Protein backbone atom coordinates (compact mmCIF):
# COMPACT_ATOMS: atom_id res chain seq x y z
CA MET A 1 60.58 -1.75 -68.91
CA LEU A 2 58.23 -1.82 -71.86
CA LEU A 3 54.56 -1.13 -71.20
CA THR A 4 53.69 -4.42 -72.92
CA GLU A 5 55.92 -6.29 -70.45
CA PHE A 6 54.38 -4.55 -67.46
CA LEU A 7 50.88 -5.36 -68.69
CA ARG A 8 51.75 -8.99 -69.25
CA GLU A 9 53.37 -9.44 -65.84
CA GLY A 10 50.71 -7.42 -64.04
CA THR A 11 47.87 -9.35 -65.63
CA ALA A 12 49.47 -12.66 -64.68
CA ALA A 13 49.91 -11.45 -61.09
CA LEU A 14 46.18 -10.72 -60.77
CA GLU A 15 44.79 -13.81 -62.46
CA SER A 16 44.35 -15.59 -59.14
CA LEU A 17 41.87 -12.86 -58.15
CA TYR A 18 40.16 -11.94 -61.43
CA PRO A 19 39.40 -13.43 -64.85
CA THR A 20 42.20 -12.67 -67.32
CA ALA A 21 40.32 -9.97 -69.26
CA GLU A 22 39.32 -8.17 -66.06
CA ALA A 23 42.85 -8.45 -64.65
CA LYS A 24 44.26 -6.83 -67.79
CA SER A 25 41.66 -4.09 -67.66
CA ILE A 26 42.62 -3.33 -64.06
CA VAL A 27 46.32 -3.04 -64.91
CA LEU A 28 45.45 -0.75 -67.82
CA MET A 29 43.44 1.49 -65.46
CA LEU A 30 46.39 1.66 -63.07
CA CYS A 31 48.70 2.70 -65.91
CA GLU A 32 46.22 5.29 -67.16
CA LYS A 33 46.03 6.90 -63.72
CA LEU A 34 49.73 6.82 -62.86
CA ILE A 35 51.52 7.36 -66.18
CA GLY A 36 48.78 8.72 -68.43
CA THR A 37 48.68 5.92 -70.99
CA LYS A 38 45.49 4.88 -72.77
CA SER A 39 43.87 1.47 -73.09
CA TYR A 40 45.33 1.20 -76.58
CA THR A 41 48.82 2.66 -76.05
CA HIS A 42 50.46 -0.76 -75.85
CA ILE A 43 48.85 -1.67 -79.18
CA VAL A 44 49.70 1.43 -81.22
CA GLU A 45 53.08 1.92 -79.52
CA PRO A 46 54.42 -1.59 -78.79
CA GLN A 47 57.86 -0.14 -77.94
CA TYR A 48 56.47 2.34 -75.39
CA ALA A 49 58.93 2.36 -72.48
CA ILE A 50 57.89 3.23 -68.93
CA GLU A 51 60.13 5.87 -67.37
CA LYS A 52 62.25 4.58 -64.51
CA LYS A 53 60.81 7.09 -62.05
CA ALA A 54 57.31 5.73 -62.74
CA LEU A 55 58.17 2.11 -62.00
CA GLN A 56 58.10 2.44 -58.21
CA PRO A 57 54.61 4.02 -58.03
CA LEU A 58 53.36 1.41 -60.48
CA GLN A 59 54.81 -1.41 -58.42
CA GLU A 60 53.33 0.03 -55.24
CA GLY A 61 49.98 0.13 -56.96
CA MET A 62 50.39 -3.46 -58.12
CA ASP A 63 51.23 -4.56 -54.58
CA ARG A 64 47.93 -3.11 -53.37
CA LEU A 65 46.05 -4.75 -56.23
CA LYS A 66 47.68 -8.14 -55.56
CA ALA A 67 46.55 -7.86 -51.93
CA GLY A 68 42.99 -7.62 -53.25
CA GLU A 69 42.37 -3.89 -52.92
CA PRO A 70 39.90 -2.66 -55.57
CA ILE A 71 41.41 -0.61 -58.38
CA GLN A 72 38.97 2.20 -57.56
CA TYR A 73 40.56 2.67 -54.13
CA VAL A 74 44.07 2.36 -55.53
CA THR A 75 43.47 5.10 -58.10
CA GLY A 76 41.07 7.02 -55.86
CA ARG A 77 38.44 7.36 -58.55
CA THR A 78 35.66 5.58 -60.41
CA GLU A 79 33.34 6.28 -63.32
CA PHE A 80 29.60 6.60 -62.78
CA CYS A 81 26.93 8.00 -65.09
CA GLY A 82 29.54 9.63 -67.28
CA HIS A 83 31.29 11.40 -64.40
CA THR A 84 34.50 10.67 -62.52
CA PHE A 85 33.97 10.39 -58.77
CA ARG A 86 36.51 10.43 -55.98
CA VAL A 87 36.28 7.32 -53.77
CA THR A 88 38.05 6.21 -50.61
CA ARG A 89 37.61 3.22 -48.33
CA ASP A 90 35.09 5.31 -46.38
CA VAL A 91 32.52 4.90 -49.15
CA LEU A 92 30.99 2.13 -51.19
CA ILE A 93 32.26 1.94 -54.77
CA PRO A 94 29.35 3.00 -57.03
CA ARG A 95 28.03 0.10 -59.10
CA PRO A 96 26.96 0.24 -62.75
CA GLU A 97 23.61 -1.29 -61.74
CA THR A 98 22.76 1.83 -59.76
CA GLU A 99 22.97 3.87 -62.96
CA LEU A 100 19.57 2.45 -63.93
CA LEU A 101 18.00 4.07 -60.87
CA VAL A 102 19.80 7.34 -61.57
CA ARG A 103 18.73 7.42 -65.21
CA GLU A 104 15.10 6.93 -64.18
CA ALA A 105 15.43 9.61 -61.50
CA ILE A 106 16.89 12.07 -64.02
CA LYS A 107 14.05 11.29 -66.43
CA LEU A 108 11.43 11.98 -63.74
CA ALA A 109 13.18 15.11 -62.45
CA SER A 110 13.65 16.50 -65.96
CA ARG A 111 9.95 16.01 -66.67
CA ILE A 112 9.04 17.95 -63.51
CA HIS A 113 11.50 20.69 -64.48
CA ARG A 114 9.99 21.06 -67.96
CA MET A 115 6.49 21.27 -66.53
CA ARG A 116 7.54 24.19 -64.33
CA ILE A 117 9.39 26.19 -67.00
CA PRO A 118 6.23 28.16 -68.01
CA TYR A 119 6.15 29.66 -64.50
CA GLY A 120 9.38 31.53 -65.27
CA LYS A 121 11.28 33.02 -62.36
CA SER A 122 8.55 31.97 -59.95
CA ALA A 123 8.97 28.29 -60.88
CA GLU A 124 9.87 26.06 -57.97
CA PRO A 125 13.11 24.11 -58.43
CA VAL A 126 12.98 20.33 -58.53
CA ARG A 127 13.78 19.11 -55.02
CA VAL A 128 15.51 15.76 -54.51
CA LEU A 129 16.46 13.87 -51.34
CA ASP A 130 19.15 11.18 -51.51
CA LEU A 131 19.22 8.95 -48.43
CA CYS A 132 22.41 6.97 -47.65
CA THR A 133 24.30 9.18 -50.08
CA GLY A 134 27.77 7.69 -49.53
CA SER A 135 30.16 9.16 -52.12
CA GLY A 136 27.33 11.38 -53.36
CA ASN A 137 27.28 9.65 -56.74
CA ILE A 138 23.48 9.65 -56.96
CA ALA A 139 23.06 13.17 -55.61
CA TRP A 140 25.72 14.70 -57.85
CA SER A 141 24.58 12.82 -60.97
CA VAL A 142 21.03 14.13 -60.61
CA ALA A 143 22.13 17.65 -59.67
CA LEU A 144 24.39 17.91 -62.71
CA ALA A 145 21.72 16.61 -65.08
CA VAL A 146 18.69 18.65 -64.00
CA PRO A 147 18.98 22.46 -64.30
CA GLY A 148 18.43 24.26 -61.02
CA ALA A 149 17.63 21.11 -59.04
CA ARG A 150 18.05 21.39 -55.29
CA VAL A 151 19.50 18.09 -54.07
CA VAL A 152 20.07 17.11 -50.45
CA GLY A 153 22.21 14.08 -49.63
CA VAL A 154 21.97 12.44 -46.21
CA ASP A 155 24.35 10.00 -44.53
CA ASN A 156 25.24 9.05 -40.97
CA SER A 157 28.96 8.75 -41.79
CA GLU A 158 30.92 12.00 -41.52
CA ALA A 159 33.77 10.35 -43.42
CA ALA A 160 31.43 9.52 -46.30
CA LEU A 161 29.96 13.03 -46.26
CA SER A 162 33.48 14.45 -46.47
CA VAL A 163 34.05 12.43 -49.65
CA ALA A 164 30.68 13.51 -51.09
CA ARG A 165 31.44 17.17 -50.42
CA SER A 166 34.91 16.86 -51.92
CA GLN A 167 33.72 15.80 -55.38
CA ASN A 168 35.08 18.34 -57.83
CA PHE A 169 32.57 19.25 -60.48
CA SER A 170 33.28 22.97 -60.49
CA ALA A 171 33.72 23.09 -64.26
CA GLU A 172 30.44 21.27 -64.87
CA LEU A 173 28.61 23.50 -62.40
CA LYS A 174 29.96 26.64 -64.05
CA ALA A 175 29.15 25.45 -67.55
CA SER A 176 25.62 24.29 -66.81
CA GLY A 177 24.51 26.58 -64.02
CA ALA A 178 23.61 23.52 -61.94
CA GLN A 179 23.56 23.72 -58.15
CA ALA A 180 25.89 21.60 -56.04
CA PRO A 181 24.07 19.24 -53.65
CA THR A 182 23.84 19.98 -49.95
CA PHE A 183 25.17 17.13 -47.81
CA VAL A 184 23.76 16.65 -44.33
CA GLY A 185 24.73 14.36 -41.47
CA ALA A 186 21.72 12.48 -40.11
CA ASP A 187 20.80 8.96 -39.05
CA VAL A 188 18.65 7.50 -41.81
CA LEU A 189 17.37 4.89 -39.35
CA ASP A 190 15.81 7.68 -37.28
CA PRO A 191 13.06 9.01 -39.57
CA GLU A 192 11.38 10.97 -36.77
CA GLN A 193 14.28 13.35 -36.19
CA GLU A 194 14.05 17.06 -36.94
CA PHE A 195 14.83 17.71 -40.60
CA ASN A 196 14.07 21.21 -41.82
CA PHE A 197 14.39 20.96 -45.59
CA GLY A 198 10.73 20.90 -46.57
CA GLU A 199 9.15 18.50 -49.04
CA PHE A 200 10.78 16.77 -51.98
CA ASP A 201 9.62 15.88 -55.48
CA LEU A 202 11.88 12.81 -55.52
CA ILE A 203 13.31 10.67 -52.77
CA LEU A 204 16.12 8.34 -53.82
CA SER A 205 18.14 5.77 -51.91
CA ASN A 206 20.65 2.97 -52.26
CA PRO A 207 20.76 1.72 -48.67
CA PRO A 208 22.62 -1.25 -47.17
CA TYR A 209 20.66 -4.38 -48.10
CA ILE A 210 22.97 -7.41 -48.28
CA MET A 211 22.14 -9.93 -45.58
CA GLU A 212 24.97 -11.19 -43.37
CA LYS A 213 24.32 -14.73 -44.59
CA GLU A 214 25.04 -13.58 -48.16
CA LYS A 215 28.65 -12.63 -47.40
CA GLY A 216 29.87 -15.84 -48.97
CA LEU A 217 28.55 -14.65 -52.34
CA LEU A 218 30.83 -11.61 -52.39
CA ARG A 219 34.35 -11.32 -53.65
CA LYS A 220 37.17 -11.02 -51.16
CA ASN A 221 38.05 -7.52 -52.40
CA VAL A 222 34.55 -6.35 -51.45
CA LEU A 223 34.53 -8.01 -48.04
CA ASP A 224 38.02 -6.90 -47.07
CA TYR A 225 37.96 -3.33 -48.31
CA GLU A 226 34.51 -1.80 -48.74
CA PRO A 227 32.75 -0.40 -45.64
CA ALA A 228 30.59 -3.10 -44.06
CA SER A 229 28.17 -0.47 -42.72
CA ALA A 230 27.31 0.49 -46.31
CA LEU A 231 26.76 -3.11 -47.38
CA PHE A 232 25.22 -5.31 -44.72
CA VAL A 233 22.04 -5.63 -42.73
CA PRO A 234 21.24 -8.22 -40.05
CA ASP A 235 19.65 -11.47 -41.20
CA GLU A 236 16.90 -11.11 -38.61
CA ASP A 237 15.85 -7.67 -39.86
CA PRO A 238 16.99 -7.14 -43.47
CA LEU A 239 14.33 -4.54 -44.26
CA LEU A 240 15.09 -2.07 -41.47
CA TYR A 241 16.38 0.60 -43.86
CA TYR A 242 13.32 0.30 -46.09
CA ARG A 243 10.95 0.84 -43.18
CA ALA A 244 12.93 3.97 -42.32
CA ILE A 245 12.94 5.15 -45.95
CA ALA A 246 9.18 4.64 -46.11
CA CYS A 247 8.80 6.80 -43.00
CA TRP A 248 11.07 9.52 -44.41
CA SER A 249 9.02 9.42 -47.60
CA GLU A 250 5.74 9.58 -45.74
CA ARG A 251 6.96 12.73 -44.01
CA PHE A 252 8.83 14.51 -46.76
CA LEU A 253 7.60 13.30 -50.17
CA SER A 254 5.27 15.82 -51.79
CA ALA A 255 1.72 14.83 -52.62
CA ASP A 256 2.61 14.07 -56.24
CA GLY A 257 6.21 13.07 -55.50
CA LYS A 258 7.91 9.80 -56.41
CA GLY A 259 10.42 7.54 -54.72
CA LEU A 260 13.05 5.13 -56.04
CA THR A 261 15.11 2.85 -53.85
CA GLU A 262 17.55 0.10 -54.80
CA ILE A 263 16.82 -3.32 -53.31
CA ASN A 264 18.15 -6.80 -52.62
CA GLU A 265 16.95 -8.82 -55.61
CA VAL A 266 15.95 -11.80 -53.43
CA LEU A 267 13.71 -9.62 -51.23
CA GLY A 268 11.77 -7.82 -53.95
CA LYS A 269 8.25 -8.72 -52.88
CA GLU A 270 9.01 -8.27 -49.20
CA THR A 271 10.53 -4.84 -49.84
CA GLU A 272 7.65 -3.73 -52.02
CA ALA A 273 5.26 -4.76 -49.24
CA VAL A 274 6.95 -2.27 -46.89
CA PHE A 275 5.89 0.56 -49.21
CA SER A 276 2.54 -0.81 -50.40
CA GLY A 277 1.58 -1.34 -46.75
CA SER A 278 2.24 2.32 -46.00
CA VAL A 279 0.65 5.47 -47.46
CA PHE A 280 1.78 4.84 -51.02
CA SER A 281 -0.93 4.23 -53.57
CA GLN A 282 1.34 2.84 -56.26
CA THR A 283 4.41 0.62 -55.97
CA GLU A 284 6.35 -1.32 -58.58
CA ILE A 285 9.39 -3.58 -58.68
CA VAL A 286 11.64 -2.49 -61.54
CA LYS A 287 13.99 -5.05 -63.06
CA ASP A 288 17.39 -4.46 -64.61
CA PHE A 289 18.78 -5.65 -67.94
CA TYR A 290 19.51 -9.07 -66.42
CA ASP A 291 15.87 -9.45 -65.31
CA LYS A 292 16.89 -9.06 -61.67
CA ASN A 293 14.84 -7.03 -59.19
CA ARG A 294 16.77 -3.75 -59.07
CA PHE A 295 14.69 -1.04 -57.40
CA ILE A 296 11.25 -0.12 -56.06
CA PHE A 297 9.25 2.75 -57.53
CA TYR A 298 6.59 4.23 -55.26
CA MET A 299 4.31 7.26 -55.05
CA LYS A 300 1.56 8.58 -52.83
């Protein structure tokens, strides 16, 4: 079978689930993962023929995609902040919107790092806490970008922590001298527990924040495949994670430290009030490129 034929048939098979352009992009990603083609191979090599032995794995992948399974779970990987992350159904698929939070965190952490360079070998490393770490996409992205940073990722799911620990950035670590994050099992909703990692310069989080009543707004592939525990909070108490994060930050954020946490865009003011009503002297709702409330910045 020609690659062009497979793309045409695969795209048509997914058009009931996705817009045509997205469906084609998904089939291209499947082909890239399983047979090593590029997004342009079918254009520059219109007679490119798929080897017979590759057809069965491709069809098995298409069957999963037609059932609604996200391409990231089918291929076992996703791109985030310029890195390729391993993902399984035990973790939320990292969203492009979260990159805004990570870029701001890297900017803040890099500034702290530069300020400490004059202290030489006695300089304290930048310390970062990532609550609800999931796949570790936030923790790893910051660790790889900030020289010598000590990053701790926390999650209550051992399956998620296993995925976070399994991320393979050995080449990047060796090249840059960065330190791999430490991943710790702990219940984020229990901010009073013993946690012996000292204070942090930055506390980051992308907690569950979608209300149960908002399920109807989500695609079927999200509802059926991504872990509900990483997505949803009860309608009667949608801010429970933010109260916990505020408590963690009150305990472990350094005196001049800063916090960033992703939020539900419809609960921006209510979420900010959780932090402004605590010990934090400055809070701010930060919007994304679509003018939607994306995360809260706070500091003591």
